[in-house]
Amino acid sequence: MSGDEHAWEVANTLDTLRHFKLVSGRHLKAVALRDKFERKVGGMMQYRRPRALLRKLQKKEKKKAGG
């Protein structure tokens, strides 16, 4: 559970293993869309977003708007 040494060896070994998709396109079609209330609650955060993330999102929006 814990120790004095880093666990990089475990992380590197996990990276070399074969990975499998957890959700396929067929499963995605079965996922229900969120309603208005769920979208509103999902947007609420306990902590403020970091400034760097906000700047990145603003740049992305400007790029999407064509400017």
Protein backbone atom coordinates (compact mmCIF):
# COMPACT_ATOMS: atom_id res chain seq x y z
CA MET A 1 0.00 0.00 0.00
CA SER A 2 2.81 2.38 0.77
CA GLY A 3 6.54 2.43 1.03
CA ASP A 4 9.67 4.51 0.99
CA GLU A 5 10.59 3.81 -2.64
CA HIS A 6 9.03 5.18 -5.82
CA ALA A 7 6.77 2.92 -7.88
CA TRP A 8 8.09 3.91 -11.32
CA GLU A 9 8.96 0.30 -12.14
CA VAL A 10 5.32 -0.68 -11.69
CA ALA A 11 4.12 2.21 -13.88
CA ASN A 12 6.63 1.36 -16.61
CA THR A 13 5.62 -2.31 -16.56
CA LEU A 14 1.93 -1.38 -16.83
CA ASP A 15 2.74 0.82 -19.85
CA THR A 16 4.27 -2.14 -21.67
CA LEU A 17 1.23 -4.39 -21.20
CA ARG A 18 -1.47 -4.76 -23.83
CA HIS A 19 -4.34 -2.30 -23.38
CA PHE A 20 -8.01 -2.89 -24.14
CA LYS A 21 -10.78 -0.42 -24.88
CA LEU A 22 -13.29 -0.30 -22.05
CA VAL A 23 -16.12 1.12 -24.14
CA SER A 24 -16.85 0.44 -27.80
CA GLY A 25 -18.99 2.44 -30.21
CA ARG A 26 -21.89 0.09 -29.57
CA HIS A 27 -21.72 0.83 -25.85
CA LEU A 28 -21.46 4.58 -26.41
CA LYS A 29 -24.78 4.55 -28.25
CA ALA A 30 -26.40 3.07 -25.14
CA VAL A 31 -25.14 5.86 -22.87
CA ALA A 32 -27.94 8.26 -21.95
CA LEU A 33 -27.42 11.98 -22.49
CA ARG A 34 -27.34 14.18 -19.40
CA ASP A 35 -30.36 16.34 -18.72
CA LYS A 36 -30.22 20.09 -18.01
CA PHE A 37 -29.87 19.62 -14.23
CA GLU A 38 -27.00 17.13 -14.58
CA ARG A 39 -25.15 19.47 -16.95
CA LYS A 40 -25.56 22.37 -14.50
CA VAL A 41 -24.37 20.33 -11.51
CA GLY A 42 -21.53 18.87 -13.55
CA GLY A 43 -20.27 22.38 -14.23
CA MET A 44 -20.07 23.27 -10.56
CA MET A 45 -16.67 22.82 -8.99
CA GLN A 46 -15.55 22.85 -5.39
CA TYR A 47 -12.34 24.66 -6.33
CA ARG A 48 -11.67 27.36 -8.88
CA ARG A 49 -10.12 26.27 -12.15
CA PRO A 50 -6.41 27.07 -12.48
CA ARG A 51 -5.61 30.25 -14.45
CA ALA A 52 -3.47 28.27 -16.89
CA LEU A 53 -6.44 26.05 -17.74
CA LEU A 54 -8.73 29.06 -18.17
CA ARG A 55 -6.22 30.71 -20.54
CA LYS A 56 -5.93 27.47 -22.52
CA LEU A 57 -9.73 27.22 -22.82
CA GLN A 58 -9.94 30.87 -23.94
CA LYS A 59 -7.33 30.28 -26.64
CA LYS A 60 -9.23 27.21 -27.80
CA GLU A 61 -12.50 29.18 -28.01
CA LYS A 62 -10.81 32.00 -29.96
CA LYS A 63 -9.32 29.48 -32.36
CA LYS A 64 -12.72 27.81 -32.81
CA ALA A 65 -14.34 31.20 -33.47
CA GLY A 66 -11.76 31.87 -36.17
CA GLY A 67 -9.82 34.61 -34.49
